[in-house]
Amino acid sequence: MNSETRQPPDSSRPDTLAIRTRNLHFRWQNQARELAFPDIQLTRGEHLFLHGPSGTGKSTLLGLLAGMHTPSRGSLQLLNQELTTMKAGTRDRLRADHMGVIFQQFNLVPYLSAVTNALLPCQLSNLRHSRAIPSATEAAQHLLTQLGIPQSHWHQGVTRLSIGQQQRVAAARALIGAPEIILADEPTSALDSDNRDRFLELLLTLAERSNSSVVFVSHDQSLARHFHHRMALEVAP
């Protein structure tokens, strides 16, 4: 990984490692082509910008890091736990307790309000609920406020919100309960440049406050300056 201008946190202690991959590969069922990924070593609090052309496996890599896919070979450690030997249920629990994921299409529950969507991780994880201070509801409301969602919108169905507002609700849902790892898949693709930069600054500032590591996927390489590290995925020859 190439270091950027921002100074990363100290990585000398092994217990600060958030993500470590070695020789990671993935093959979709019934496909001959196998994707190979560069090694990653990311310390708690570090932010990685991931870019590359379509078809290089950026979203697939995020799916592997989230425990949603199983690698065909290689090692994948999150918070010093080896995912490749875990059962699916154990991976799901690790994700619920320790990861916030922002999907490209946001994946909000359309019939729920903004604040209820933001609260969902605390309903699925006792650990996230216990970290949401002073209470889960107040933490959700505080995050929505910080992300620019006015109080008048908190109890509206998310389908009534603008695309930019839905994106911020998705960010609040990912950040609530101070997860150690944030994974974000093209979350700014639908925004203009002003709203894109504003959203990214808010996301990284809030992640820094909880010492969360961030892996952020985007085609827009101009965003790389905001991150400690950048990594390019390339089409295999």
C-alpha atoms as a PDB file:
ATOM      1  CA  MET A   1       0.000   0.000   0.000  1.00  0.00           C
ATOM      2  CA  ASN A   2       1.247   3.482  -0.795  1.00  0.00           C
ATOM      3  CA  SER A   3       1.186   6.008   2.051  1.00  0.00           C
ATOM      4  CA  GLU A   4      -0.536   9.329   1.426  1.00  0.00           C
ATOM      5  CA  THR A   5       0.090  12.715   3.043  1.00  0.00           C
ATOM      6  CA  ARG A   6      -1.973  12.001   6.170  1.00  0.00           C
ATOM      7  CA  GLN A   7      -0.056  10.295   8.964  1.00  0.00           C
ATOM      8  CA  PRO A   8      -1.410   6.839   9.871  1.00  0.00           C
ATOM      9  CA  PRO A   9      -1.695   5.633  13.480  1.00  0.00           C
ATOM     10  CA  ASP A  10       1.077   3.601  15.090  1.00  0.00           C
ATOM     11  CA  SER A  11       1.081   0.014  13.786  1.00  0.00           C
ATOM     12  CA  SER A  12       3.889  -1.400  15.936  1.00  0.00           C
ATOM     13  CA  ARG A  13       1.561  -3.325  18.252  1.00  0.00           C
ATOM     14  CA  PRO A  14      -0.043  -6.471  16.783  1.00  0.00           C
ATOM     15  CA  ASP A  15      -3.225  -5.969  18.824  1.00  0.00           C
ATOM     16  CA  THR A  16      -3.901  -2.777  16.867  1.00  0.00           C
ATOM     17  CA  LEU A  17      -4.257  -4.622  13.544  1.00  0.00           C
ATOM     18  CA  ALA A  18      -7.745  -4.375  12.077  1.00  0.00           C
ATOM     19  CA  ILE A  19      -7.286  -6.172   8.735  1.00  0.00           C
ATOM     20  CA  ARG A  20      -4.556  -8.443   7.432  1.00  0.00           C
ATOM     21  CA  THR A  21      -4.778 -10.465   4.211  1.00  0.00           C
ATOM     22  CA  ARG A  22      -2.180 -12.745   2.644  1.00  0.00           C
ATOM     23  CA  ASN A  23      -2.331 -14.300  -0.840  1.00  0.00           C
ATOM     24  CA  LEU A  24      -6.111 -13.782  -0.957  1.00  0.00           C
ATOM     25  CA  HIS A  25      -7.932 -15.308  -3.961  1.00  0.00           C
ATOM     26  CA  PHE A  26     -11.573 -15.718  -4.923  1.00  0.00           C
ATOM     27  CA  ARG A  27     -13.394 -17.613  -7.665  1.00  0.00           C
ATOM     28  CA  TRP A  28     -17.096 -17.348  -8.435  1.00  0.00           C
ATOM     29  CA  GLN A  29     -18.891 -20.670  -8.755  1.00  0.00           C
ATOM     30  CA  ASN A  30     -18.752 -22.177 -12.262  1.00  0.00           C
ATOM     31  CA  GLN A  31     -16.160 -19.616 -13.404  1.00  0.00           C
ATOM     32  CA  ALA A  32     -12.606 -20.523 -14.364  1.00  0.00           C
ATOM     33  CA  ARG A  33     -11.153 -17.085 -13.659  1.00  0.00           C
ATOM     34  CA  GLU A  34      -9.753 -16.584 -10.171  1.00  0.00           C
ATOM     35  CA  LEU A  35      -9.341 -13.093  -8.738  1.00  0.00           C
ATOM     36  CA  ALA A  36      -6.077 -12.407  -6.899  1.00  0.00           C
ATOM     37  CA  PHE A  37      -5.847  -9.497  -4.461  1.00  0.00           C
ATOM     38  CA  PRO A  38      -2.865  -7.544  -3.126  1.00  0.00           C
ATOM     39  CA  ASP A  39      -1.986  -8.104   0.514  1.00  0.00           C
ATOM     40  CA  ILE A  40      -3.524  -5.670   2.997  1.00  0.00           C
ATOM     41  CA  GLN A  41      -2.334  -4.739   6.466  1.00  0.00           C
ATOM     42  CA  LEU A  42      -4.457  -2.045   8.078  1.00  0.00           C
ATOM     43  CA  THR A  43      -4.090  -0.796  11.636  1.00  0.00           C
ATOM     44  CA  ARG A  44      -6.959   0.332  13.850  1.00  0.00           C
ATOM     45  CA  GLY A  45      -7.818   3.877  12.826  1.00  0.00           C
ATOM     46  CA  GLU A  46      -6.169   3.732   9.386  1.00  0.00           C
ATOM     47  CA  HIS A  47      -8.126   4.596   6.247  1.00  0.00           C
ATOM     48  CA  LEU A  48      -7.555   2.838   2.901  1.00  0.00           C
ATOM     49  CA  PHE A  49      -8.711   4.134  -0.489  1.00  0.00           C
ATOM     50  CA  LEU A  50      -9.348   1.300  -2.965  1.00  0.00           C
ATOM     51  CA  HIS A  51      -9.729   1.988  -6.684  1.00  0.00           C
ATOM     52  CA  GLY A  52      -9.492   0.271 -10.048  1.00  0.00           C
ATOM     53  CA  PRO A  53     -11.397  -0.343 -13.294  1.00  0.00           C
ATOM     54  CA  SER A  54     -14.673  -2.245 -13.405  1.00  0.00           C
ATOM     55  CA  GLY A  55     -14.193  -5.985 -13.220  1.00  0.00           C
ATOM     56  CA  THR A  56     -11.113  -5.922 -10.987  1.00  0.00           C
ATOM     57  CA  GLY A  57     -13.029  -7.190  -7.957  1.00  0.00           C
ATOM     58  CA  LYS A  58     -13.335  -4.118  -5.728  1.00  0.00           C
ATOM     59  CA  SER A  59     -16.822  -4.986  -4.484  1.00  0.00           C
ATOM     60  CA  THR A  60     -15.850  -8.660  -4.264  1.00  0.00           C
ATOM     61  CA  LEU A  61     -12.922  -7.753  -2.015  1.00  0.00           C
ATOM     62  CA  LEU A  62     -15.234  -5.777   0.261  1.00  0.00           C
ATOM     63  CA  GLY A  63     -17.543  -8.795   0.358  1.00  0.00           C
ATOM     64  CA  LEU A  64     -14.608 -10.956   1.430  1.00  0.00           C
ATOM     65  CA  LEU A  65     -13.593  -8.477   4.133  1.00  0.00           C
ATOM     66  CA  ALA A  66     -17.195  -8.394   5.370  1.00  0.00           C
ATOM     67  CA  GLY A  67     -17.336 -12.175   5.583  1.00  0.00           C
ATOM     68  CA  MET A  68     -20.077 -12.354   2.955  1.00  0.00           C
ATOM     69  CA  HIS A  69     -17.895 -14.374   0.555  1.00  0.00           C
ATOM     70  CA  THR A  70     -15.426 -17.177   1.251  1.00  0.00           C
ATOM     71  CA  PRO A  71     -11.983 -16.980  -0.391  1.00  0.00           C
ATOM     72  CA  SER A  72     -10.821 -19.857  -2.581  1.00  0.00           C
ATOM     73  CA  ARG A  73      -7.408 -19.638  -0.909  1.00  0.00           C
ATOM     74  CA  GLY A  74      -5.295 -17.360   1.240  1.00  0.00           C
ATOM     75  CA  SER A  75      -5.538 -15.864   4.716  1.00  0.00           C
ATOM     76  CA  LEU A  76      -7.969 -13.190   5.923  1.00  0.00           C
ATOM     77  CA  GLN A  77      -7.679 -11.899   9.485  1.00  0.00           C
ATOM     78  CA  LEU A  78      -9.962  -9.312  11.028  1.00  0.00           C
ATOM     79  CA  LEU A  79      -9.130  -8.103  14.533  1.00  0.00           C
ATOM     80  CA  ASN A  80      -6.646 -11.000  14.800  1.00  0.00           C
ATOM     81  CA  GLN A  81      -9.305 -13.605  13.997  1.00  0.00           C
ATOM     82  CA  GLU A  82      -8.952 -15.863  10.929  1.00  0.00           C
ATOM     83  CA  LEU A  83     -12.162 -15.674   8.874  1.00  0.00           C
ATOM     84  CA  THR A  84     -11.315 -18.496   6.474  1.00  0.00           C
ATOM     85  CA  THR A  85     -11.757 -21.121   9.197  1.00  0.00           C
ATOM     86  CA  MET A  86     -14.923 -19.627  10.703  1.00  0.00           C
ATOM     87  CA  LYS A  87     -18.410 -21.006  10.285  1.00  0.00           C
ATOM     88  CA  ALA A  88     -20.878 -18.726   8.493  1.00  0.00           C
ATOM     89  CA  GLY A  89     -22.772 -17.907  11.686  1.00  0.00           C
ATOM     90  CA  THR A  90     -19.582 -16.865  13.454  1.00  0.00           C
ATOM     91  CA  ARG A  91     -18.648 -14.590  10.542  1.00  0.00           C
ATOM     92  CA  ASP A  92     -22.124 -13.035  10.660  1.00  0.00           C
ATOM     93  CA  ARG A  93     -21.728 -12.325  14.377  1.00  0.00           C
ATOM     94  CA  LEU A  94     -18.287 -10.783  13.823  1.00  0.00           C
ATOM     95  CA  ARG A  95     -19.752  -8.520  11.141  1.00  0.00           C
ATOM     96  CA  ALA A  96     -22.723  -7.484  13.297  1.00  0.00           C
ATOM     97  CA  ASP A  97     -20.537  -6.688  16.309  1.00  0.00           C
ATOM     98  CA  HIS A  98     -17.479  -5.132  14.701  1.00  0.00           C
ATOM     99  CA  MET A  99     -18.271  -3.822  11.183  1.00  0.00           C
ATOM    100  CA  GLY A 100     -20.301  -1.062   9.627  1.00  0.00           C
ATOM    101  CA  VAL A 101     -21.024  -1.477   5.908  1.00  0.00           C
ATOM    102  CA  ILE A 102     -22.182   1.269   3.525  1.00  0.00           C
ATOM    103  CA  PHE A 103     -23.486  -0.320   0.350  1.00  0.00           C
ATOM    104  CA  GLN A 104     -23.515   1.394  -3.039  1.00  0.00           C
ATOM    105  CA  GLN A 105     -27.324   1.242  -3.118  1.00  0.00           C
ATOM    106  CA  PHE A 106     -27.490   2.024   0.640  1.00  0.00           C
ATOM    107  CA  ASN A 107     -29.736  -1.034   1.394  1.00  0.00           C
ATOM    108  CA  LEU A 108     -31.956   0.932   3.766  1.00  0.00           C
ATOM    109  CA  VAL A 109     -35.221  -0.671   4.899  1.00  0.00           C
ATOM    110  CA  PRO A 110     -37.722   1.388   2.862  1.00  0.00           C
ATOM    111  CA  TYR A 111     -40.693   1.181   5.236  1.00  0.00           C
ATOM    112  CA  LEU A 112     -38.687   2.285   8.294  1.00  0.00           C
ATOM    113  CA  SER A 113     -37.874   5.826   9.374  1.00  0.00           C
ATOM    114  CA  ALA A 114     -34.433   7.390   9.183  1.00  0.00           C
ATOM    115  CA  VAL A 115     -33.786   7.004  12.914  1.00  0.00           C
ATOM    116  CA  THR A 116     -35.035   3.397  12.976  1.00  0.00           C
ATOM    117  CA  ASN A 117     -32.758   2.488  10.056  1.00  0.00           C
ATOM    118  CA  ALA A 118     -29.816   4.043  11.897  1.00  0.00           C
ATOM    119  CA  LEU A 119     -30.691   2.009  15.010  1.00  0.00           C
ATOM    120  CA  LEU A 120     -30.734  -1.397  13.290  1.00  0.00           C
ATOM    121  CA  PRO A 121     -27.145  -2.449  14.190  1.00  0.00           C
ATOM    122  CA  CYS A 122     -27.910  -1.865  17.874  1.00  0.00           C
ATOM    123  CA  GLN A 123     -30.905  -4.176  17.601  1.00  0.00           C
ATOM    124  CA  LEU A 124     -28.756  -6.895  16.026  1.00  0.00           C
ATOM    125  CA  SER A 125     -25.725  -6.550  18.304  1.00  0.00           C
ATOM    126  CA  ASN A 126     -25.645  -6.211  22.081  1.00  0.00           C
ATOM    127  CA  LEU A 127     -22.054  -4.998  21.790  1.00  0.00           C
ATOM    128  CA  ARG A 128     -22.937  -2.179  19.394  1.00  0.00           C
ATOM    129  CA  HIS A 129     -25.917  -1.323  21.628  1.00  0.00           C
ATOM    130  CA  SER A 130     -23.686  -1.085  24.702  1.00  0.00           C
ATOM    131  CA  ARG A 131     -21.250   1.209  22.885  1.00  0.00           C
ATOM    132  CA  ALA A 132     -24.004   3.597  21.734  1.00  0.00           C
ATOM    133  CA  ILE A 133     -23.705   6.293  24.403  1.00  0.00           C
ATOM    134  CA  PRO A 134     -25.673   7.630  26.250  1.00  0.00           C
ATOM    135  CA  SER A 135     -28.366   5.454  24.646  1.00  0.00           C
ATOM    136  CA  ALA A 136     -28.880   3.863  21.254  1.00  0.00           C
ATOM    137  CA  THR A 137     -31.680   6.264  20.310  1.00  0.00           C
ATOM    138  CA  GLU A 138     -29.713   9.324  21.399  1.00  0.00           C
ATOM    139  CA  ALA A 139     -26.625   8.064  19.579  1.00  0.00           C
ATOM    140  CA  ALA A 140     -28.647   7.602  16.376  1.00  0.00           C
ATOM    141  CA  GLN A 141     -30.140  11.071  16.676  1.00  0.00           C
ATOM    142  CA  HIS A 142     -26.717  12.588  17.371  1.00  0.00           C
ATOM    143  CA  LEU A 143     -25.202  10.903  14.299  1.00  0.00           C
ATOM    144  CA  LEU A 144     -28.085  12.025  12.087  1.00  0.00           C
ATOM    145  CA  THR A 145     -27.613  15.582  13.349  1.00  0.00           C
ATOM    146  CA  GLN A 146     -23.861  15.485  12.701  1.00  0.00           C
ATOM    147  CA  LEU A 147     -24.518  14.148   9.202  1.00  0.00           C
ATOM    148  CA  GLY A 148     -26.934  16.968   8.408  1.00  0.00           C
ATOM    149  CA  ILE A 149     -30.309  15.203   8.693  1.00  0.00           C
ATOM    150  CA  PRO A 150     -32.724  17.711  10.307  1.00  0.00           C
ATOM    151  CA  GLN A 151     -34.880  16.570  13.217  1.00  0.00           C
ATOM    152  CA  SER A 152     -38.001  17.064  11.103  1.00  0.00           C
ATOM    153  CA  HIS A 153     -36.801  14.175   8.887  1.00  0.00           C
ATOM    154  CA  TRP A 154     -35.858  11.670  11.590  1.00  0.00           C
ATOM    155  CA  HIS A 155     -39.227   9.949  11.691  1.00  0.00           C
ATOM    156  CA  GLN A 156     -39.979  10.112   7.971  1.00  0.00           C
ATOM    157  CA  GLY A 157     -39.788   7.002   5.831  1.00  0.00           C
ATOM    158  CA  VAL A 158     -36.412   6.935   4.118  1.00  0.00           C
ATOM    159  CA  THR A 159     -38.018   6.779   0.663  1.00  0.00           C
ATOM    160  CA  ARG A 160     -39.161  10.376   1.223  1.00  0.00           C
ATOM    161  CA  LEU A 161     -35.581  11.555   1.668  1.00  0.00           C
ATOM    162  CA  SER A 162     -33.257  12.744  -1.086  1.00  0.00           C
ATOM    163  CA  ILE A 163     -30.503  10.456  -2.371  1.00  0.00           C
ATOM    164  CA  GLY A 164     -27.917  12.446  -0.436  1.00  0.00           C
ATOM    165  CA  GLN A 165     -29.953  12.199   2.759  1.00  0.00           C
ATOM    166  CA  GLN A 166     -30.446   8.446   2.310  1.00  0.00           C
ATOM    167  CA  GLN A 167     -26.704   8.109   1.924  1.00  0.00           C
ATOM    168  CA  ARG A 168     -26.137   9.917   5.219  1.00  0.00           C
ATOM    169  CA  VAL A 169     -28.651   7.681   6.978  1.00  0.00           C
ATOM    170  CA  ALA A 170     -26.682   4.695   5.657  1.00  0.00           C
ATOM    171  CA  ALA A 171     -23.515   6.258   7.072  1.00  0.00           C
ATOM    172  CA  ALA A 172     -25.169   6.783  10.468  1.00  0.00           C
ATOM    173  CA  ARG A 173     -26.230   3.126  10.465  1.00  0.00           C
ATOM    174  CA  ALA A 174     -22.647   2.049   9.716  1.00  0.00           C
ATOM    175  CA  LEU A 175     -21.106   4.295  12.373  1.00  0.00           C
ATOM    176  CA  ILE A 176     -23.460   3.691  15.302  1.00  0.00           C
ATOM    177  CA  GLY A 177     -21.987   1.690  18.156  1.00  0.00           C
ATOM    178  CA  ALA A 178     -18.374   2.495  17.188  1.00  0.00           C
ATOM    179  CA  PRO A 179     -17.539  -0.541  15.010  1.00  0.00           C
ATOM    180  CA  GLU A 180     -13.823  -1.193  14.589  1.00  0.00           C
ATOM    181  CA  ILE A 181     -14.096  -1.488  10.783  1.00  0.00           C
ATOM    182  CA  ILE A 182     -16.085   0.557   8.232  1.00  0.00           C
ATOM    183  CA  LEU A 183     -16.455  -0.791   4.675  1.00  0.00           C
ATOM    184  CA  ALA A 184     -17.857   1.612   2.063  1.00  0.00           C
ATOM    185  CA  ASP A 185     -18.647   0.603  -1.534  1.00  0.00           C
ATOM    186  CA  GLU A 186     -18.875   3.613  -3.902  1.00  0.00           C
ATOM    187  CA  PRO A 187     -20.988   5.582  -1.398  1.00  0.00           C
ATOM    188  CA  THR A 188     -20.456   8.929  -3.169  1.00  0.00           C
ATOM    189  CA  SER A 189     -21.199   7.829  -6.736  1.00  0.00           C
ATOM    190  CA  ALA A 190     -24.608   9.578  -6.866  1.00  0.00           C
ATOM    191  CA  LEU A 191     -23.411  12.910  -5.436  1.00  0.00           C
ATOM    192  CA  ASP A 192     -22.109  16.096  -7.014  1.00  0.00           C
ATOM    193  CA  SER A 193     -18.588  17.188  -6.124  1.00  0.00           C
ATOM    194  CA  ASP A 194     -19.577  19.566  -3.294  1.00  0.00           C
ATOM    195  CA  ASN A 195     -21.815  17.047  -1.539  1.00  0.00           C
ATOM    196  CA  ARG A 196     -19.291  14.268  -2.200  1.00  0.00           C
ATOM    197  CA  ASP A 197     -16.456  16.126  -0.468  1.00  0.00           C
ATOM    198  CA  ARG A 198     -18.702  17.184   2.416  1.00  0.00           C
ATOM    199  CA  PHE A 199     -19.931  13.638   2.970  1.00  0.00           C
ATOM    200  CA  LEU A 200     -16.439  12.149   2.841  1.00  0.00           C
ATOM    201  CA  GLU A 201     -15.081  14.680   5.327  1.00  0.00           C
ATOM    202  CA  LEU A 202     -17.923  13.898   7.748  1.00  0.00           C
ATOM    203  CA  LEU A 203     -17.518  10.138   7.355  1.00  0.00           C
ATOM    204  CA  LEU A 204     -13.770  10.149   8.011  1.00  0.00           C
ATOM    205  CA  THR A 205     -14.052  12.620  10.895  1.00  0.00           C
ATOM    206  CA  LEU A 206     -16.654  10.469  12.634  1.00  0.00           C
ATOM    207  CA  ALA A 207     -14.608   7.322  11.955  1.00  0.00           C
ATOM    208  CA  GLU A 208     -11.542   8.957  13.514  1.00  0.00           C
ATOM    209  CA  ARG A 209     -13.489   9.798  16.666  1.00  0.00           C
ATOM    210  CA  SER A 210     -14.250   6.117  17.230  1.00  0.00           C
ATOM    211  CA  ASN A 211     -10.809   4.948  15.973  1.00  0.00           C
ATOM    212  CA  SER A 212     -12.505   2.955  13.207  1.00  0.00           C
ATOM    213  CA  SER A 213     -10.524   1.620  10.260  1.00  0.00           C
ATOM    214  CA  VAL A 214     -12.054   2.465   6.873  1.00  0.00           C
ATOM    215  CA  VAL A 215     -11.847   0.698   3.507  1.00  0.00           C
ATOM    216  CA  PHE A 216     -13.429   2.996   0.926  1.00  0.00           C
ATOM    217  CA  VAL A 217     -14.040   1.984  -2.711  1.00  0.00           C
ATOM    218  CA  SER A 218     -14.385   4.629  -5.419  1.00  0.00           C
ATOM    219  CA  HIS A 219     -13.594   5.204  -9.089  1.00  0.00           C
ATOM    220  CA  ASP A 220     -12.782   8.844  -8.278  1.00  0.00           C
ATOM    221  CA  GLN A 221      -9.052   8.954  -7.615  1.00  0.00           C
ATOM    222  CA  SER A 222      -9.217  12.624  -6.601  1.00  0.00           C
ATOM    223  CA  LEU A 223     -10.556  11.409  -3.243  1.00  0.00           C
ATOM    224  CA  ALA A 224      -7.366   9.485  -2.457  1.00  0.00           C
ATOM    225  CA  ARG A 225      -5.755  12.506  -0.788  1.00  0.00           C
ATOM    226  CA  HIS A 226      -8.130  12.135   2.168  1.00  0.00           C
ATOM    227  CA  PHE A 227      -6.791   8.673   3.091  1.00  0.00           C
ATOM    228  CA  HIS A 228      -3.701   7.284   4.814  1.00  0.00           C
ATOM    229  CA  HIS A 229      -3.173   4.650   2.104  1.00  0.00           C
ATOM    230  CA  ARG A 230      -4.330   3.867  -1.409  1.00  0.00           C
ATOM    231  CA  MET A 231      -4.458   0.586  -3.294  1.00  0.00           C
ATOM    232  CA  ALA A 232      -5.149  -0.039  -6.971  1.00  0.00           C
ATOM    233  CA  LEU A 233      -6.719  -3.245  -8.251  1.00  0.00           C
ATOM    234  CA  GLU A 234      -5.762  -4.125 -11.808  1.00  0.00           C
ATOM    235  CA  VAL A 235      -7.229  -6.369 -14.477  1.00  0.00           C
ATOM    236  CA  ALA A 236      -5.364  -9.668 -14.548  1.00  0.00           C
ATOM    237  CA  PRO A 237      -3.401 -10.286 -17.778  1.00  0.00           C
END
